N, C-alpha and C. Protein backbone atom coordinates (compact mmCIF):
# COMPACT_ATOMS: atom_id res chain seq x y z
N MET A 1 10.48 30.88 -89.12
CA MET A 1 9.42 31.86 -88.88
C MET A 1 8.51 31.39 -87.75
N PHE A 2 8.29 30.07 -87.69
CA PHE A 2 7.44 29.52 -86.64
C PHE A 2 8.01 29.87 -85.26
N ASN A 3 9.32 29.72 -85.09
CA ASN A 3 9.95 30.01 -83.80
C ASN A 3 9.85 31.49 -83.45
N LYS A 4 9.94 32.37 -84.46
CA LYS A 4 9.82 33.81 -84.21
C LYS A 4 8.42 34.15 -83.70
N LYS A 5 7.40 33.50 -84.25
CA LYS A 5 6.02 33.75 -83.80
C LYS A 5 5.85 33.29 -82.36
N ILE A 6 6.38 32.13 -82.04
CA ILE A 6 6.28 31.61 -80.67
C ILE A 6 6.96 32.58 -79.71
N VAL A 7 8.16 33.03 -80.06
CA VAL A 7 8.89 33.96 -79.21
C VAL A 7 8.11 35.27 -79.06
N ALA A 8 7.57 35.77 -80.16
CA ALA A 8 6.82 37.03 -80.13
C ALA A 8 5.58 36.90 -79.26
N TYR A 9 4.82 35.82 -79.40
CA TYR A 9 3.61 35.63 -78.59
C TYR A 9 3.96 35.41 -77.12
N THR A 10 5.04 34.68 -76.86
CA THR A 10 5.47 34.47 -75.48
C THR A 10 5.87 35.78 -74.84
N LEU A 11 6.64 36.59 -75.59
CA LEU A 11 7.05 37.89 -75.07
C LEU A 11 5.85 38.79 -74.83
N LEU A 12 4.92 38.84 -75.77
CA LEU A 12 3.71 39.65 -75.61
C LEU A 12 2.90 39.18 -74.41
N GLY A 13 2.72 37.88 -74.26
CA GLY A 13 1.99 37.33 -73.11
C GLY A 13 2.65 37.67 -71.80
N SER A 14 3.98 37.59 -71.76
CA SER A 14 4.72 37.94 -70.54
C SER A 14 4.55 39.40 -70.20
N MET A 15 4.61 40.26 -71.22
CA MET A 15 4.45 41.69 -70.99
C MET A 15 3.06 42.00 -70.47
N LEU A 16 2.04 41.37 -71.05
CA LEU A 16 0.67 41.60 -70.59
C LEU A 16 0.49 41.10 -69.17
N ALA A 17 1.02 39.91 -68.88
CA ALA A 17 0.89 39.36 -67.53
C ALA A 17 1.63 40.23 -66.52
N PHE A 18 2.86 40.66 -66.87
CA PHE A 18 3.63 41.51 -65.96
C PHE A 18 2.91 42.83 -65.74
N GLY A 19 2.41 43.42 -66.82
CA GLY A 19 1.72 44.70 -66.70
C GLY A 19 0.48 44.59 -65.84
N SER A 20 -0.27 43.51 -65.97
CA SER A 20 -1.50 43.39 -65.19
C SER A 20 -1.21 43.14 -63.72
N THR A 21 -0.10 42.48 -63.40
CA THR A 21 0.20 42.27 -61.99
C THR A 21 0.79 43.53 -61.37
N GLN A 22 1.45 44.36 -62.17
CA GLN A 22 2.03 45.58 -61.64
C GLN A 22 0.99 46.69 -61.52
N ALA A 23 0.08 46.75 -62.48
CA ALA A 23 -0.93 47.80 -62.47
C ALA A 23 -2.12 47.32 -61.64
N HIS A 24 -2.35 47.98 -60.55
CA HIS A 24 -3.43 47.59 -59.65
C HIS A 24 -4.09 48.88 -59.19
N GLU A 25 -4.68 49.57 -60.16
CA GLU A 25 -5.29 50.86 -59.89
C GLU A 25 -6.72 50.86 -60.40
N PHE A 26 -7.52 51.72 -59.78
CA PHE A 26 -8.93 51.84 -60.13
C PHE A 26 -9.23 53.32 -60.28
N LYS A 27 -10.16 53.67 -61.14
CA LYS A 27 -10.46 55.07 -61.42
C LYS A 27 -11.96 55.33 -61.30
N LEU A 28 -12.29 56.47 -60.72
CA LEU A 28 -13.67 56.91 -60.60
C LEU A 28 -13.67 58.42 -60.83
N GLY A 29 -14.07 58.84 -62.02
CA GLY A 29 -14.03 60.27 -62.34
C GLY A 29 -12.61 60.78 -62.21
N GLN A 30 -12.42 61.78 -61.35
CA GLN A 30 -11.09 62.36 -61.15
C GLN A 30 -10.36 61.77 -59.95
N LEU A 31 -10.89 60.67 -59.42
CA LEU A 31 -10.23 59.96 -58.32
C LEU A 31 -9.54 58.72 -58.86
N GLU A 32 -8.30 58.53 -58.44
CA GLU A 32 -7.56 57.32 -58.79
C GLU A 32 -7.20 56.60 -57.50
N ILE A 33 -7.59 55.33 -57.43
CA ILE A 33 -7.31 54.53 -56.24
C ILE A 33 -6.14 53.63 -56.58
N GLY A 34 -5.03 53.86 -55.92
CA GLY A 34 -3.80 53.14 -56.22
C GLY A 34 -3.54 51.99 -55.29
N HIS A 35 -3.32 50.86 -55.84
CA HIS A 35 -2.93 49.60 -55.24
C HIS A 35 -3.49 49.31 -53.85
N PRO A 36 -4.77 48.99 -53.75
CA PRO A 36 -5.32 48.55 -52.46
C PRO A 36 -4.66 47.23 -52.03
N TYR A 37 -4.25 47.14 -50.79
CA TYR A 37 -3.64 45.91 -50.30
C TYR A 37 -3.98 45.65 -48.85
N SER A 38 -3.80 44.38 -48.46
CA SER A 38 -4.02 43.94 -47.10
C SER A 38 -2.94 42.91 -46.78
N ARG A 39 -3.01 42.37 -45.60
CA ARG A 39 -2.07 41.33 -45.18
C ARG A 39 -2.86 40.08 -44.83
N ALA A 40 -2.30 38.94 -45.12
CA ALA A 40 -2.95 37.67 -44.75
C ALA A 40 -3.21 37.68 -43.24
N MET A 41 -4.30 37.04 -42.85
CA MET A 41 -4.71 37.02 -41.45
C MET A 41 -4.43 35.64 -40.84
N LEU A 42 -4.22 35.62 -39.55
CA LEU A 42 -4.08 34.35 -38.84
C LEU A 42 -5.44 33.66 -38.83
N PRO A 43 -5.49 32.33 -38.74
CA PRO A 43 -6.75 31.59 -38.88
C PRO A 43 -7.91 32.05 -38.01
N MET A 44 -7.70 32.48 -36.80
CA MET A 44 -8.80 32.85 -35.91
C MET A 44 -9.07 34.36 -35.88
N ALA A 45 -8.29 35.14 -36.62
CA ALA A 45 -8.45 36.60 -36.61
C ALA A 45 -9.80 37.00 -37.22
N LYS A 46 -10.40 38.03 -36.67
CA LYS A 46 -11.69 38.53 -37.15
C LYS A 46 -11.59 39.95 -37.70
N VAL A 47 -10.37 40.54 -37.66
CA VAL A 47 -10.17 41.91 -38.09
C VAL A 47 -8.95 41.98 -39.00
N GLY A 48 -9.10 42.68 -40.12
CA GLY A 48 -7.99 42.86 -41.05
C GLY A 48 -7.88 44.31 -41.48
N GLY A 49 -6.67 44.72 -41.82
CA GLY A 49 -6.43 46.09 -42.25
C GLY A 49 -6.48 46.23 -43.76
N GLY A 50 -6.76 47.42 -44.21
CA GLY A 50 -6.76 47.72 -45.64
C GLY A 50 -6.07 49.04 -45.90
N TYR A 51 -5.27 49.09 -46.98
CA TYR A 51 -4.45 50.25 -47.27
C TYR A 51 -4.54 50.56 -48.76
N LEU A 52 -4.43 51.84 -49.10
CA LEU A 52 -4.48 52.27 -50.49
C LEU A 52 -4.11 53.74 -50.56
N LYS A 53 -4.01 54.24 -51.78
CA LYS A 53 -3.69 55.65 -52.01
C LYS A 53 -4.78 56.23 -52.90
N ILE A 54 -5.32 57.37 -52.52
CA ILE A 54 -6.35 58.04 -53.32
C ILE A 54 -5.77 59.36 -53.84
N THR A 55 -5.68 59.46 -55.16
CA THR A 55 -5.21 60.68 -55.80
C THR A 55 -6.40 61.38 -56.42
N ASN A 56 -6.61 62.62 -56.03
CA ASN A 56 -7.75 63.40 -56.49
C ASN A 56 -7.25 64.53 -57.38
N SER A 57 -7.56 64.49 -58.67
CA SER A 57 -7.15 65.56 -59.58
C SER A 57 -8.30 66.55 -59.82
N GLY A 58 -9.35 66.47 -59.01
CA GLY A 58 -10.51 67.35 -59.16
C GLY A 58 -10.86 68.05 -57.87
N PRO A 59 -12.14 68.39 -57.72
CA PRO A 59 -12.59 69.10 -56.52
C PRO A 59 -12.59 68.17 -55.29
N ALA A 60 -12.66 68.78 -54.12
CA ALA A 60 -12.66 68.02 -52.86
C ALA A 60 -13.79 67.00 -52.84
N ASP A 61 -13.53 65.87 -52.19
CA ASP A 61 -14.52 64.81 -52.04
C ASP A 61 -14.30 64.19 -50.67
N ARG A 62 -15.03 63.14 -50.38
CA ARG A 62 -14.91 62.47 -49.08
C ARG A 62 -15.23 61.00 -49.25
N LEU A 63 -14.35 60.14 -48.73
CA LEU A 63 -14.61 58.70 -48.67
C LEU A 63 -15.54 58.48 -47.49
N ILE A 64 -16.79 58.07 -47.77
CA ILE A 64 -17.78 58.01 -46.68
C ILE A 64 -18.07 56.60 -46.20
N SER A 65 -17.86 55.58 -47.04
CA SER A 65 -18.09 54.22 -46.57
C SER A 65 -17.44 53.20 -47.48
N ILE A 66 -17.30 51.99 -46.95
CA ILE A 66 -16.72 50.86 -47.67
C ILE A 66 -17.55 49.64 -47.31
N THR A 67 -17.80 48.80 -48.28
CA THR A 67 -18.47 47.53 -48.02
C THR A 67 -17.65 46.40 -48.64
N SER A 68 -17.78 45.22 -48.06
CA SER A 68 -17.12 44.03 -48.59
C SER A 68 -17.92 42.81 -48.15
N GLU A 69 -18.07 41.85 -49.06
CA GLU A 69 -18.77 40.62 -48.70
C GLU A 69 -17.99 39.81 -47.67
N ARG A 70 -16.71 40.08 -47.49
CA ARG A 70 -15.87 39.31 -46.58
C ARG A 70 -15.91 39.80 -45.14
N SER A 71 -16.60 40.91 -44.88
CA SER A 71 -16.68 41.39 -43.49
C SER A 71 -18.03 42.05 -43.24
N ALA A 72 -18.45 41.98 -41.98
CA ALA A 72 -19.74 42.56 -41.60
C ALA A 72 -19.74 44.06 -41.84
N THR A 73 -18.65 44.72 -41.47
CA THR A 73 -18.51 46.16 -41.69
C THR A 73 -17.06 46.46 -42.04
N VAL A 74 -16.86 47.61 -42.65
CA VAL A 74 -15.51 48.14 -42.89
C VAL A 74 -15.53 49.57 -42.38
N GLU A 75 -14.58 49.87 -41.49
CA GLU A 75 -14.51 51.19 -40.88
C GLU A 75 -13.28 51.93 -41.38
N ILE A 76 -13.40 53.25 -41.43
CA ILE A 76 -12.27 54.12 -41.76
C ILE A 76 -11.68 54.57 -40.44
N HIS A 77 -10.39 54.26 -40.21
CA HIS A 77 -9.75 54.57 -38.94
C HIS A 77 -8.59 55.54 -39.12
N GLU A 78 -8.25 56.17 -38.01
CA GLU A 78 -7.07 57.03 -37.94
C GLU A 78 -6.26 56.61 -36.73
N MET A 79 -4.95 56.51 -36.91
CA MET A 79 -4.05 56.29 -35.78
C MET A 79 -3.19 57.54 -35.65
N LYS A 80 -3.02 58.00 -34.42
CA LYS A 80 -2.15 59.15 -34.19
C LYS A 80 -1.67 59.14 -32.76
N MET A 81 -0.60 59.87 -32.54
CA MET A 81 -0.02 59.97 -31.20
C MET A 81 -0.73 61.06 -30.42
N ASN A 82 -1.08 60.74 -29.17
CA ASN A 82 -1.61 61.71 -28.23
C ASN A 82 -0.64 61.71 -27.06
N GLY A 83 0.35 62.59 -27.13
CA GLY A 83 1.44 62.55 -26.16
C GLY A 83 2.26 61.31 -26.43
N ALA A 84 2.39 60.43 -25.43
CA ALA A 84 3.16 59.20 -25.57
C ALA A 84 2.26 58.00 -25.89
N VAL A 85 0.98 58.25 -26.13
CA VAL A 85 0.03 57.16 -26.34
C VAL A 85 -0.46 57.15 -27.79
N MET A 86 -0.36 55.99 -28.44
CA MET A 86 -0.90 55.83 -29.79
C MET A 86 -2.39 55.56 -29.66
N GLU A 87 -3.20 56.37 -30.35
CA GLU A 87 -4.65 56.20 -30.31
C GLU A 87 -5.16 55.81 -31.69
N MET A 88 -6.16 54.93 -31.71
CA MET A 88 -6.83 54.58 -32.95
C MET A 88 -8.31 54.85 -32.75
N ARG A 89 -8.90 55.52 -33.76
CA ARG A 89 -10.33 55.81 -33.66
C ARG A 89 -10.96 55.75 -35.04
N GLU A 90 -12.24 55.44 -35.05
CA GLU A 90 -13.00 55.46 -36.30
C GLU A 90 -13.32 56.91 -36.65
N LEU A 91 -13.25 57.22 -37.94
CA LEU A 91 -13.63 58.55 -38.42
C LEU A 91 -15.11 58.53 -38.74
N ASP A 92 -15.92 59.16 -37.90
CA ASP A 92 -17.37 59.12 -38.06
C ASP A 92 -17.86 59.74 -39.36
N GLY A 93 -17.28 60.84 -39.78
CA GLY A 93 -17.76 61.54 -40.97
C GLY A 93 -17.06 61.13 -42.25
N GLY A 94 -16.27 60.10 -42.21
CA GLY A 94 -15.52 59.69 -43.38
C GLY A 94 -14.17 60.39 -43.45
N LEU A 95 -13.50 60.22 -44.58
CA LEU A 95 -12.16 60.75 -44.76
C LEU A 95 -12.15 61.79 -45.87
N ALA A 96 -11.75 63.03 -45.54
CA ALA A 96 -11.69 64.10 -46.52
C ALA A 96 -10.61 63.81 -47.56
N ILE A 97 -10.94 64.03 -48.82
CA ILE A 97 -10.00 63.90 -49.92
C ILE A 97 -9.92 65.30 -50.56
N PRO A 98 -8.97 66.13 -50.11
CA PRO A 98 -8.90 67.50 -50.62
C PRO A 98 -8.70 67.56 -52.14
N ALA A 99 -9.07 68.69 -52.72
CA ALA A 99 -8.90 68.92 -54.15
C ALA A 99 -7.42 68.83 -54.52
N ASN A 100 -7.14 68.25 -55.68
CA ASN A 100 -5.78 68.21 -56.22
C ASN A 100 -4.74 67.74 -55.21
N SER A 101 -5.02 66.59 -54.59
CA SER A 101 -4.12 66.08 -53.56
C SER A 101 -4.13 64.55 -53.57
N THR A 102 -3.25 63.99 -52.76
CA THR A 102 -3.19 62.54 -52.58
C THR A 102 -3.30 62.25 -51.09
N VAL A 103 -4.18 61.31 -50.75
CA VAL A 103 -4.33 60.86 -49.37
C VAL A 103 -3.95 59.39 -49.34
N GLU A 104 -3.02 59.04 -48.46
CA GLU A 104 -2.57 57.65 -48.37
C GLU A 104 -3.08 57.02 -47.10
N LEU A 105 -3.72 55.87 -47.25
CA LEU A 105 -4.14 55.07 -46.11
C LEU A 105 -3.05 54.04 -45.93
N LYS A 106 -2.37 54.10 -44.77
CA LYS A 106 -1.19 53.28 -44.54
C LYS A 106 -1.07 52.96 -43.06
N PRO A 107 -0.21 52.02 -42.72
CA PRO A 107 -0.01 51.67 -41.30
C PRO A 107 0.40 52.89 -40.49
N GLY A 108 -0.17 53.01 -39.29
CA GLY A 108 0.18 54.09 -38.38
C GLY A 108 -0.49 55.41 -38.72
N SER A 109 -1.43 55.39 -39.62
CA SER A 109 -2.10 56.62 -40.06
C SER A 109 -3.55 56.28 -40.38
N TYR A 110 -4.10 56.86 -41.42
CA TYR A 110 -5.43 56.47 -41.88
C TYR A 110 -5.34 55.06 -42.45
N HIS A 111 -6.38 54.25 -42.23
CA HIS A 111 -6.44 52.90 -42.78
C HIS A 111 -7.88 52.39 -42.68
N LEU A 112 -8.14 51.29 -43.33
CA LEU A 112 -9.45 50.65 -43.27
C LEU A 112 -9.37 49.46 -42.34
N MET A 113 -10.45 49.20 -41.62
CA MET A 113 -10.53 48.02 -40.76
C MET A 113 -11.71 47.17 -41.22
N PHE A 114 -11.40 45.97 -41.71
CA PHE A 114 -12.42 44.99 -42.06
C PHE A 114 -12.80 44.30 -40.76
N MET A 115 -14.02 44.52 -40.28
CA MET A 115 -14.46 44.04 -38.97
C MET A 115 -15.31 42.79 -39.11
N ASN A 116 -15.15 41.83 -38.17
CA ASN A 116 -15.90 40.58 -38.17
C ASN A 116 -15.81 39.88 -39.53
N VAL A 117 -14.57 39.64 -39.92
CA VAL A 117 -14.29 38.99 -41.21
C VAL A 117 -14.87 37.58 -41.20
N THR A 118 -15.57 37.23 -42.26
CA THR A 118 -16.23 35.92 -42.35
C THR A 118 -15.25 34.79 -42.62
N GLN A 119 -14.18 35.08 -43.34
CA GLN A 119 -13.15 34.09 -43.67
C GLN A 119 -11.83 34.84 -43.74
N PRO A 120 -10.83 34.46 -42.92
CA PRO A 120 -9.56 35.20 -42.91
C PRO A 120 -8.96 35.35 -44.31
N PHE A 121 -8.35 36.50 -44.54
CA PHE A 121 -7.70 36.77 -45.82
C PHE A 121 -6.47 35.87 -45.96
N LYS A 122 -6.30 35.30 -47.14
CA LYS A 122 -5.16 34.42 -47.41
C LYS A 122 -4.23 35.06 -48.43
N GLN A 123 -2.95 34.83 -48.23
CA GLN A 123 -1.94 35.39 -49.12
C GLN A 123 -2.26 35.06 -50.58
N ASP A 124 -2.05 36.03 -51.44
CA ASP A 124 -2.22 35.94 -52.90
C ASP A 124 -3.67 35.96 -53.37
N GLU A 125 -4.62 36.10 -52.47
CA GLU A 125 -6.00 36.25 -52.94
C GLU A 125 -6.33 37.73 -53.08
N MET A 126 -7.46 38.01 -53.71
CA MET A 126 -7.94 39.37 -53.88
C MET A 126 -9.25 39.51 -53.10
N ILE A 127 -9.37 40.58 -52.32
CA ILE A 127 -10.56 40.84 -51.52
C ILE A 127 -11.35 41.96 -52.20
N LYS A 128 -12.55 41.65 -52.62
CA LYS A 128 -13.39 42.65 -53.29
C LYS A 128 -14.05 43.57 -52.27
N ALA A 129 -14.11 44.84 -52.64
CA ALA A 129 -14.77 45.84 -51.78
C ALA A 129 -15.30 46.95 -52.67
N THR A 130 -16.21 47.73 -52.12
CA THR A 130 -16.75 48.89 -52.82
C THR A 130 -16.48 50.12 -51.97
N LEU A 131 -15.83 51.11 -52.56
CA LEU A 131 -15.57 52.38 -51.90
C LEU A 131 -16.67 53.35 -52.33
N VAL A 132 -17.23 54.09 -51.37
CA VAL A 132 -18.29 55.05 -51.67
C VAL A 132 -17.79 56.45 -51.30
N PHE A 133 -17.82 57.33 -52.30
CA PHE A 133 -17.41 58.71 -52.11
C PHE A 133 -18.64 59.61 -52.11
N GLU A 134 -18.58 60.68 -51.35
CA GLU A 134 -19.70 61.60 -51.20
C GLU A 134 -20.15 62.19 -52.54
N LYS A 135 -19.23 62.61 -53.38
CA LYS A 135 -19.58 63.27 -54.65
C LYS A 135 -19.39 62.36 -55.86
N ALA A 136 -18.30 61.63 -55.90
CA ALA A 136 -17.96 60.84 -57.09
C ALA A 136 -18.79 59.57 -57.23
N GLY A 137 -19.36 59.08 -56.12
CA GLY A 137 -20.15 57.85 -56.17
C GLY A 137 -19.34 56.65 -55.70
N SER A 138 -19.60 55.48 -56.27
CA SER A 138 -18.95 54.26 -55.78
C SER A 138 -18.09 53.61 -56.86
N VAL A 139 -17.10 52.87 -56.40
CA VAL A 139 -16.20 52.14 -57.29
C VAL A 139 -15.84 50.80 -56.65
N ASP A 140 -15.87 49.74 -57.44
CA ASP A 140 -15.45 48.42 -56.97
C ASP A 140 -13.94 48.31 -57.11
N VAL A 141 -13.29 47.81 -56.05
CA VAL A 141 -11.85 47.62 -56.04
C VAL A 141 -11.52 46.23 -55.52
N GLU A 142 -10.27 45.85 -55.63
CA GLU A 142 -9.79 44.58 -55.07
C GLU A 142 -8.53 44.84 -54.28
N PHE A 143 -8.49 44.30 -53.06
CA PHE A 143 -7.32 44.40 -52.20
C PHE A 143 -6.44 43.18 -52.41
N SER A 144 -5.20 43.39 -52.80
CA SER A 144 -4.23 42.32 -52.98
C SER A 144 -3.72 41.91 -51.59
N VAL A 145 -3.76 40.62 -51.28
CA VAL A 145 -3.36 40.15 -49.95
C VAL A 145 -1.93 39.63 -49.98
N GLY A 146 -1.08 40.25 -49.16
CA GLY A 146 0.31 39.84 -49.03
C GLY A 146 0.49 38.90 -47.86
N PRO A 147 1.73 38.51 -47.56
CA PRO A 147 2.00 37.56 -46.47
C PRO A 147 1.68 38.13 -45.08
N VAL A 148 1.49 37.24 -44.12
CA VAL A 148 1.17 37.62 -42.74
C VAL A 148 2.27 38.48 -42.14
N ALA A 149 3.50 38.01 -42.20
CA ALA A 149 4.59 38.65 -41.47
C ALA A 149 5.49 39.51 -42.34
N GLY A 150 5.18 39.63 -43.59
CA GLY A 150 6.04 40.42 -44.46
C GLY A 150 5.21 41.27 -45.38
N ASP A 151 5.89 41.82 -46.36
CA ASP A 151 5.14 42.57 -47.35
C ASP A 151 5.75 42.33 -48.72
N LYS A 152 4.93 42.45 -49.73
CA LYS A 152 5.37 42.26 -51.10
C LYS A 152 5.64 43.63 -51.71
N GLY A 153 6.58 44.36 -51.13
CA GLY A 153 6.87 45.69 -51.64
C GLY A 153 5.96 46.74 -51.05
N HIS A 154 5.11 46.39 -50.12
CA HIS A 154 4.22 47.36 -49.48
C HIS A 154 4.85 47.81 -48.18
N ALA A 155 4.37 48.92 -47.68
CA ALA A 155 4.81 49.35 -46.36
C ALA A 155 4.33 48.30 -45.35
N ALA A 156 5.17 48.01 -44.38
CA ALA A 156 4.78 47.04 -43.35
C ALA A 156 3.62 47.61 -42.56
N HIS A 157 2.73 46.76 -42.10
CA HIS A 157 1.59 47.22 -41.32
C HIS A 157 1.19 46.15 -40.32
N SER A 158 0.46 46.58 -39.31
CA SER A 158 0.06 45.63 -38.27
C SER A 158 -1.44 45.45 -38.28
N GLU A 159 -1.88 44.32 -37.75
CA GLU A 159 -3.31 44.06 -37.63
C GLU A 159 -3.79 44.51 -36.26
N HIS A 160 -5.06 44.84 -36.16
CA HIS A 160 -5.65 45.33 -34.91
C HIS A 160 -6.70 44.35 -34.43
N GLY A 161 -7.00 44.40 -33.18
CA GLY A 161 -8.15 43.72 -32.63
C GLY A 161 -8.10 42.22 -32.64
N LYS A 162 -6.91 41.64 -32.57
CA LYS A 162 -6.85 40.17 -32.54
C LYS A 162 -7.28 39.67 -31.21
């Protein structure tokens, strides 16, 4: 019976640990923020990217700002093609989150830029940040940091402003 208890507790612990590493979501009212992530930065880099998915099951809202102790500012950016030229610009009014929709911040599209980072992001650490929405308010999240040149199941993305 002793061995069965050890096996049961080990299995339960493994399931809890696996579940907590797989589930990396945050909720604020009818907004669900799915798996915020970033990439490890090179030692002298001062800018890092941030990516996540926002699912809105309620009325329209807007992501208006982000703060993090690890960077002086965090900007919401958009990348898009203008003819044959890729352009990146900050979204001055924030990012619209339409009613009953999902908006994904990902490489080559909408994304966050951690500007003037105080300490480069290192693989396997978590970067704390606060997302502020126009109607829903604010929510604390953590960005999971993957490797510099690869991804841990995330879409590949590039860093800006090195």
